[in-house]
């Protein structure tokens, strides 16, 4: 993954995928399906997204889990 330009809030699909620990194709599919926010730029169909949009998506799709406490025996 290439480092983000200093001060740029925009990420490519590959950078977004690395950020949320998923594949580039997964990110592109989610954006194309309208489930993840993105912006199409240029004539080649490049997709850009922003870190805060990705954070919102993860929070929306996160399933809370309960971790049982371990009992300690005396």
PDB file of N, CA and C in Angstrom:
ATOM      1  N   UNK A   1       0.854  -1.179   0.000  1.00  0.00           N
ATOM      2  CA  UNK A   1       0.000   0.000   0.000  1.00  0.00           C
ATOM      3  C   UNK A   1       0.893   1.232   0.000  1.00  0.00           C
ATOM      4  N   UNK A   2       0.587   2.148  -0.897  1.00  0.00           N
ATOM      5  CA  UNK A   2       1.348   3.395  -0.959  1.00  0.00           C
ATOM      6  C   UNK A   2       0.918   4.309   0.176  1.00  0.00           C
ATOM      7  N   UNK A   3       1.855   5.078   0.737  1.00  0.00           N
ATOM      8  CA  UNK A   3       1.468   5.994   1.806  1.00  0.00           C
ATOM      9  C   UNK A   3       0.541   7.076   1.277  1.00  0.00           C
ATOM     10  N   UNK A   4      -0.361   7.519   2.125  1.00  0.00           N
ATOM     11  CA  UNK A   4      -1.291   8.582   1.732  1.00  0.00           C
ATOM     12  C   UNK A   4      -0.551   9.897   1.606  1.00  0.00           C
ATOM     13  N   UNK A   5      -0.909  10.698   0.581  1.00  0.00           N
ATOM     14  CA  UNK A   5      -0.304  12.026   0.504  1.00  0.00           C
ATOM     15  C   UNK A   5      -0.645  12.812   1.769  1.00  0.00           C
ATOM     16  N   UNK A   6       0.298  13.566   2.241  1.00  0.00           N
ATOM     17  CA  UNK A   6       0.106  14.321   3.483  1.00  0.00           C
ATOM     18  C   UNK A   6      -1.109  15.246   3.351  1.00  0.00           C
ATOM     19  N   UNK A   7      -2.046  15.120   4.263  1.00  0.00           N
ATOM     20  CA  UNK A   7      -3.211  15.992   4.299  1.00  0.00           C
ATOM     21  C   UNK A   7      -4.367  15.543   3.433  1.00  0.00           C
ATOM     22  N   UNK A   8      -4.212  14.486   2.629  1.00  0.00           N
ATOM     23  CA  UNK A   8      -5.297  14.032   1.765  1.00  0.00           C
ATOM     24  C   UNK A   8      -6.220  13.085   2.524  1.00  0.00           C
ATOM     25  N   UNK A   9      -7.508  13.379   2.543  1.00  0.00           N
ATOM     26  CA  UNK A   9      -8.451  12.482   3.218  1.00  0.00           C
ATOM     27  C   UNK A   9      -8.922  11.339   2.320  1.00  0.00           C
ATOM     28  N   UNK A  10      -8.537  11.346   1.038  1.00  0.00           N
ATOM     29  CA  UNK A  10      -9.037  10.370   0.073  1.00  0.00           C
ATOM     30  C   UNK A  10      -8.157   9.125   0.011  1.00  0.00           C
ATOM     31  N   UNK A  11      -8.813   7.973  -0.187  1.00  0.00           N
ATOM     32  CA  UNK A  11      -8.129   6.694  -0.281  1.00  0.00           C
ATOM     33  C   UNK A  11      -8.620   5.963  -1.512  1.00  0.00           C
ATOM     34  N   UNK A  12      -7.712   5.258  -2.180  1.00  0.00           N
ATOM     35  CA  UNK A  12      -8.105   4.394  -3.284  1.00  0.00           C
ATOM     36  C   UNK A  12      -8.753   3.130  -2.712  1.00  0.00           C
ATOM     37  N   UNK A  13      -9.325   2.315  -3.592  1.00  0.00           N
ATOM     38  CA  UNK A  13      -9.941   1.065  -3.139  1.00  0.00           C
ATOM     39  C   UNK A  13      -8.893   0.160  -2.489  1.00  0.00           C
ATOM     40  N   UNK A  14      -7.675   0.137  -3.027  1.00  0.00           N
ATOM     41  CA  UNK A  14      -6.616  -0.703  -2.449  1.00  0.00           C
ATOM     42  C   UNK A  14      -6.220  -0.200  -1.056  1.00  0.00           C
ATOM     43  N   UNK A  15      -6.098   1.108  -0.900  1.00  0.00           N
ATOM     44  CA  UNK A  15      -5.757   1.669   0.409  1.00  0.00           C
ATOM     45  C   UNK A  15      -6.882   1.442   1.405  1.00  0.00           C
ATOM     46  N   UNK A  16      -8.128   1.583   0.932  1.00  0.00           N
ATOM     47  CA  UNK A  16      -9.287   1.350   1.796  1.00  0.00           C
ATOM     48  C   UNK A  16      -9.331  -0.105   2.247  1.00  0.00           C
ATOM     49  N   UNK A  17      -9.042  -1.018   1.322  1.00  0.00           N
ATOM     50  CA  UNK A  17      -9.054  -2.443   1.651  1.00  0.00           C
ATOM     51  C   UNK A  17      -8.027  -2.759   2.731  1.00  0.00           C
ATOM     52  N   UNK A  18      -6.840  -2.187   2.604  1.00  0.00           N
ATOM     53  CA  UNK A  18      -5.804  -2.416   3.615  1.00  0.00           C
ATOM     54  C   UNK A  18      -6.232  -1.816   4.953  1.00  0.00           C
ATOM     55  N   UNK A  19      -6.878  -0.672   4.913  1.00  0.00           N
ATOM     56  CA  UNK A  19      -7.300   0.014   6.143  1.00  0.00           C
ATOM     57  C   UNK A  19      -8.316  -0.822   6.929  1.00  0.00           C
ATOM     58  N   UNK A  20      -9.283  -1.442   6.218  1.00  0.00           N
ATOM     59  CA  UNK A  20     -10.300  -2.228   6.924  1.00  0.00           C
ATOM     60  C   UNK A  20      -9.998  -3.730   6.897  1.00  0.00           C
ATOM     61  N   UNK A  21      -8.794  -4.076   6.434  1.00  0.00           N
ATOM     62  CA  UNK A  21      -8.325  -5.466   6.439  1.00  0.00           C
ATOM     63  C   UNK A  21      -9.222  -6.388   5.607  1.00  0.00           C
ATOM     64  N   UNK A  22      -9.603  -5.917   4.424  1.00  0.00           N
ATOM     65  CA  UNK A  22     -10.395  -6.704   3.478  1.00  0.00           C
ATOM     66  C   UNK A  22      -9.721  -6.621   2.117  1.00  0.00           C
ATOM     67  N   UNK A  23     -10.250  -7.301   1.124  1.00  0.00           N
ATOM     68  CA  UNK A  23      -9.688  -7.271  -0.215  1.00  0.00           C
ATOM     69  C   UNK A  23     -10.177  -6.078  -1.024  1.00  0.00           C
ATOM     70  N   UNK A  24      -9.401  -5.696  -2.027  1.00  0.00           N
ATOM     71  CA  UNK A  24      -9.760  -4.572  -2.897  1.00  0.00           C
ATOM     72  C   UNK A  24     -11.079  -4.847  -3.625  1.00  0.00           C
ATOM     73  N   UNK A  25     -11.246  -6.066  -4.119  1.00  0.00           N
ATOM     74  CA  UNK A  25     -12.484  -6.403  -4.825  1.00  0.00           C
ATOM     75  C   UNK A  25     -13.696  -6.315  -3.903  1.00  0.00           C
ATOM     76  N   UNK A  26     -13.523  -6.698  -2.640  1.00  0.00           N
ATOM     77  CA  UNK A  26     -14.613  -6.585  -1.670  1.00  0.00           C
ATOM     78  C   UNK A  26     -15.041  -5.127  -1.528  1.00  0.00           C
ATOM     79  N   UNK A  27     -14.061  -4.226  -1.374  1.00  0.00           N
ATOM     80  CA  UNK A  27     -14.364  -2.795  -1.225  1.00  0.00           C
ATOM     81  C   UNK A  27     -15.073  -2.281  -2.475  1.00  0.00           C
ATOM     82  N   UNK A  28     -14.567  -2.633  -3.651  1.00  0.00           N
ATOM     83  CA  UNK A  28     -15.195  -2.180  -4.887  1.00  0.00           C
ATOM     84  C   UNK A  28     -16.622  -2.700  -5.012  1.00  0.00           C
ATOM     85  N   UNK A  29     -16.848  -3.967  -4.652  1.00  0.00           N
ATOM     86  CA  UNK A  29     -18.205  -4.533  -4.697  1.00  0.00           C
ATOM     87  C   UNK A  29     -19.150  -3.810  -3.752  1.00  0.00           C
ATOM     88  N   UNK A  30     -18.688  -3.534  -2.529  1.00  0.00           N
ATOM     89  CA  UNK A  30     -19.534  -2.849  -1.551  1.00  0.00           C
ATOM     90  C   UNK A  30     -19.899  -1.431  -2.022  1.00  0.00           C
ATOM     91  N   UNK A  31     -18.928  -0.738  -2.609  1.00  0.00           N
ATOM     92  CA  UNK A  31     -19.197   0.610  -3.123  1.00  0.00           C
ATOM     93  C   UNK A  31     -20.148   0.540  -4.304  1.00  0.00           C
ATOM     94  N   UNK A  32     -19.900  -0.364  -5.247  1.00  0.00           N
ATOM     95  CA  UNK A  32     -20.762  -0.495  -6.422  1.00  0.00           C
ATOM     96  C   UNK A  32     -22.189  -0.882  -6.050  1.00  0.00           C
ATOM     97  N   UNK A  33     -22.348  -1.662  -4.983  1.00  0.00           N
ATOM     98  CA  UNK A  33     -23.681  -2.082  -4.529  1.00  0.00           C
ATOM     99  C   UNK A  33     -24.374  -0.994  -3.711  1.00  0.00           C
ATOM    100  N   UNK A  34     -23.654   0.067  -3.384  1.00  0.00           N
ATOM    101  CA  UNK A  34     -24.255   1.151  -2.605  1.00  0.00           C
ATOM    102  C   UNK A  34     -24.256   0.912  -1.111  1.00  0.00           C
ATOM    103  N   UNK A  35     -23.570  -0.131  -0.663  1.00  0.00           N
ATOM    104  CA  UNK A  35     -23.529  -0.413   0.775  1.00  0.00           C
ATOM    105  C   UNK A  35     -22.404   0.328   1.481  1.00  0.00           C
ATOM    106  N   UNK A  36     -21.410   0.773   0.713  1.00  0.00           N
ATOM    107  CA  UNK A  36     -20.282   1.530   1.261  1.00  0.00           C
ATOM    108  C   UNK A  36     -20.192   2.822   0.454  1.00  0.00           C
ATOM    109  N   UNK A  37     -19.931   3.899   1.147  1.00  0.00           N
ATOM    110  CA  UNK A  37     -19.883   5.197   0.484  1.00  0.00           C
ATOM    111  C   UNK A  37     -18.566   5.371  -0.269  1.00  0.00           C
ATOM    112  N   UNK A  38     -18.662   5.863  -1.495  1.00  0.00           N
ATOM    113  CA  UNK A  38     -17.484   6.101  -2.313  1.00  0.00           C
ATOM    114  C   UNK A  38     -17.792   7.157  -3.358  1.00  0.00           C
ATOM    115  N   UNK A  39     -16.762   7.618  -4.036  1.00  0.00           N
ATOM    116  CA  UNK A  39     -16.910   8.615  -5.094  1.00  0.00           C
ATOM    117  C   UNK A  39     -16.183   8.103  -6.330  1.00  0.00           C
ATOM    118  N   UNK A  40     -16.879   8.100  -7.463  1.00  0.00           N
ATOM    119  CA  UNK A  40     -16.272   7.666  -8.721  1.00  0.00           C
ATOM    120  C   UNK A  40     -15.649   8.883  -9.388  1.00  0.00           C
ATOM    121  N   UNK A  41     -14.386   8.763  -9.745  1.00  0.00           N
ATOM    122  CA  UNK A  41     -13.671   9.874 -10.371  1.00  0.00           C
ATOM    123  C   UNK A  41     -12.990   9.393 -11.646  1.00  0.00           C
ATOM    124  N   UNK A  42     -12.823  10.303 -12.568  1.00  0.00           N
ATOM    125  CA  UNK A  42     -12.111   9.963 -13.797  1.00  0.00           C
ATOM    126  C   UNK A  42     -12.931   9.117 -14.736  1.00  0.00           C
ATOM    127  N   UNK A  43     -12.439   8.969 -15.953  1.00  0.00           N
ATOM    128  CA  UNK A  43     -13.149   8.219 -16.967  1.00  0.00           C
ATOM    129  C   UNK A  43     -12.949   6.722 -16.875  1.00  0.00           C
ATOM    130  N   UNK A  44     -12.002   6.266 -16.063  1.00  0.00           N
ATOM    131  CA  UNK A  44     -11.731   4.829 -15.962  1.00  0.00           C
ATOM    132  C   UNK A  44     -12.507   4.168 -14.835  1.00  0.00           C
ATOM    133  N   UNK A  45     -13.355   4.914 -14.173  1.00  0.00           N
ATOM    134  CA  UNK A  45     -14.166   4.335 -13.110  1.00  0.00           C
ATOM    135  C   UNK A  45     -13.442   4.152 -11.800  1.00  0.00           C
ATOM    136  N   UNK A  46     -12.364   4.899 -11.584  1.00  0.00           N
ATOM    137  CA  UNK A  46     -11.670   4.814 -10.297  1.00  0.00           C
ATOM    138  C   UNK A  46     -12.614   5.205  -9.171  1.00  0.00           C
ATOM    139  N   UNK A  47     -12.461   4.536  -8.048  1.00  0.00           N
ATOM    140  CA  UNK A  47     -13.306   4.808  -6.884  1.00  0.00           C
ATOM    141  C   UNK A  47     -12.423   5.298  -5.755  1.00  0.00           C
ATOM    142  N   UNK A  48     -12.855   6.354  -5.106  1.00  0.00           N
ATOM    143  CA  UNK A  48     -12.161   6.861  -3.925  1.00  0.00           C
ATOM    144  C   UNK A  48     -13.133   6.853  -2.756  1.00  0.00           C
ATOM    145  N   UNK A  49     -12.603   6.751  -1.586  1.00  0.00           N
ATOM    146  CA  UNK A  49     -13.414   6.819  -0.377  1.00  0.00           C
ATOM    147  C   UNK A  49     -12.614   7.549   0.689  1.00  0.00           C
ATOM    148  N   UNK A  50     -13.227   7.776   1.817  1.00  0.00           N
ATOM    149  CA  UNK A  50     -12.577   8.514   2.900  1.00  0.00           C
ATOM    150  C   UNK A  50     -12.537   7.642   4.149  1.00  0.00           C
ATOM    151  N   UNK A  51     -11.545   7.888   4.972  1.00  0.00           N
ATOM    152  CA  UNK A  51     -11.351   7.095   6.191  1.00  0.00           C
ATOM    153  C   UNK A  51     -12.603   7.126   7.080  1.00  0.00           C
ATOM    154  N   UNK A  52     -13.212   8.314   7.240  1.00  0.00           N
ATOM    155  CA  UNK A  52     -14.391   8.392   8.116  1.00  0.00           C
ATOM    156  C   UNK A  52     -15.579   7.625   7.529  1.00  0.00           C
ATOM    157  N   UNK A  53     -15.685   7.548   6.201  1.00  0.00           N
ATOM    158  CA  UNK A  53     -16.745   6.756   5.584  1.00  0.00           C
ATOM    159  C   UNK A  53     -16.522   5.272   5.864  1.00  0.00           C
ATOM    160  N   UNK A  54     -15.277   4.851   5.825  1.00  0.00           N
ATOM    161  CA  UNK A  54     -14.961   3.450   6.122  1.00  0.00           C
ATOM    162  C   UNK A  54     -15.244   3.130   7.580  1.00  0.00           C
ATOM    163  N   UNK A  55     -14.869   4.044   8.473  1.00  0.00           N
ATOM    164  CA  UNK A  55     -15.142   3.841   9.898  1.00  0.00           C
ATOM    165  C   UNK A  55     -16.642   3.713  10.137  1.00  0.00           C
ATOM    166  N   UNK A  56     -17.439   4.562   9.477  1.00  0.00           N
ATOM    167  CA  UNK A  56     -18.899   4.486   9.616  1.00  0.00           C
ATOM    168  C   UNK A  56     -19.421   3.136   9.137  1.00  0.00           C
ATOM    169  N   UNK A  57     -18.889   2.650   8.004  1.00  0.00           N
ATOM    170  CA  UNK A  57     -19.330   1.365   7.453  1.00  0.00           C
ATOM    171  C   UNK A  57     -19.028   0.229   8.428  1.00  0.00           C
ATOM    172  N   UNK A  58     -17.818   0.234   8.966  1.00  0.00           N
ATOM    173  CA  UNK A  58     -17.432  -0.832   9.904  1.00  0.00           C
ATOM    174  C   UNK A  58     -18.344  -0.806  11.132  1.00  0.00           C
ATOM    175  N   UNK A  59     -18.588   0.373  11.675  1.00  0.00           N
ATOM    176  CA  UNK A  59     -19.454   0.469  12.853  1.00  0.00           C
ATOM    177  C   UNK A  59     -20.873   0.007  12.545  1.00  0.00           C
ATOM    178  N   UNK A  60     -21.378   0.311  11.348  1.00  0.00           N
ATOM    179  CA  UNK A  60     -22.715  -0.114  10.941  1.00  0.00           C
ATOM    180  C   UNK A  60     -22.823  -1.629  10.831  1.00  0.00           C
ATOM    181  N   UNK A  61     -21.769  -2.266  10.368  1.00  0.00           N
ATOM    182  CA  UNK A  61     -21.809  -3.695  10.097  1.00  0.00           C
ATOM    183  C   UNK A  61     -21.180  -4.550  11.195  1.00  0.00           C
ATOM    184  N   UNK A  62     -20.739  -3.933  12.237  1.00  0.00           N
ATOM    185  CA  UNK A  62     -20.116  -4.676  13.330  1.00  0.00           C
ATOM    186  C   UNK A  62     -21.190  -5.379  14.156  1.00  0.00           C
ATOM    187  N   UNK A  63     -20.914  -6.600  14.522  1.00  0.00           N
ATOM    188  CA  UNK A  63     -21.799  -7.355  15.393  1.00  0.00           C
ATOM    189  C   UNK A  63     -21.122  -7.477  16.750  1.00  0.00           C
ATOM    190  N   UNK A  64     -21.736  -6.865  17.764  1.00  0.00           N
ATOM    191  CA  UNK A  64     -21.112  -6.973  19.089  1.00  0.00           C
ATOM    192  C   UNK A  64     -21.089  -8.429  19.550  1.00  0.00           C
ATOM    193  N   UNK A  65     -20.024  -8.802  20.211  1.00  0.00           N
ATOM    194  CA  UNK A  65     -19.933 -10.149  20.760  1.00  0.00           C
ATOM    195  C   UNK A  65     -19.735 -10.044  22.264  1.00  0.00           C
ATOM    196  N   UNK A  66     -20.178 -11.062  22.945  1.00  0.00           N
ATOM    197  CA  UNK A  66     -20.017 -11.098  24.387  1.00  0.00           C
ATOM    198  C   UNK A  66     -18.968 -12.142  24.716  1.00  0.00           C
ATOM    199  N   UNK A  67     -17.979 -11.737  25.432  1.00  0.00           N
ATOM    200  CA  UNK A  67     -16.919 -12.654  25.829  1.00  0.00           C
ATOM    201  C   UNK A  67     -17.196 -13.083  27.266  1.00  0.00           C
ATOM    202  N   UNK A  68     -17.444 -14.371  27.461  1.00  0.00           N
ATOM    203  CA  UNK A  68     -17.770 -14.827  28.816  1.00  0.00           C
ATOM    204  C   UNK A  68     -16.559 -14.679  29.745  1.00  0.00           C
ATOM    205  N   UNK A  69     -16.854 -14.293  30.966  1.00  0.00           N
ATOM    206  CA  UNK A  69     -15.791 -14.167  31.968  1.00  0.00           C
ATOM    207  C   UNK A  69     -15.363 -15.548  32.408  1.00  0.00           C
ATOM    208  N   UNK A  70     -14.083 -15.703  32.595  1.00  0.00           N
ATOM    209  CA  UNK A  70     -13.554 -16.969  33.080  1.00  0.00           C
ATOM    210  C   UNK A  70     -13.725 -17.018  34.598  1.00  0.00           C
ATOM    211  N   UNK A  71     -14.215 -18.128  35.054  1.00  0.00           N
ATOM    212  CA  UNK A  71     -14.358 -18.306  36.492  1.00  0.00           C
ATOM    213  C   UNK A  71     -13.036 -18.721  37.073  1.00  0.00           C
ATOM    214  N   UNK A  72     -12.704 -18.124  38.159  1.00  0.00           N
ATOM    215  CA  UNK A  72     -11.484 -18.516  38.860  1.00  0.00           C
ATOM    216  C   UNK A  72     -11.849 -19.350  40.066  1.00  0.00           C
ATOM    217  N   UNK A  73     -11.198 -20.469  40.163  1.00  0.00           N
ATOM    218  CA  UNK A  73     -11.459 -21.350  41.291  1.00  0.00           C
ATOM    219  C   UNK A  73     -10.413 -21.077  42.367  1.00  0.00           C
ATOM    220  N   UNK A  74     -10.848 -21.073  43.628  1.00  0.00           N
ATOM    221  CA  UNK A  74      -9.893 -20.810  44.728  1.00  0.00           C
ATOM    222  C   UNK A  74      -8.874 -21.893  44.901  1.00  0.00           C
TER     223      UNK A  74
END
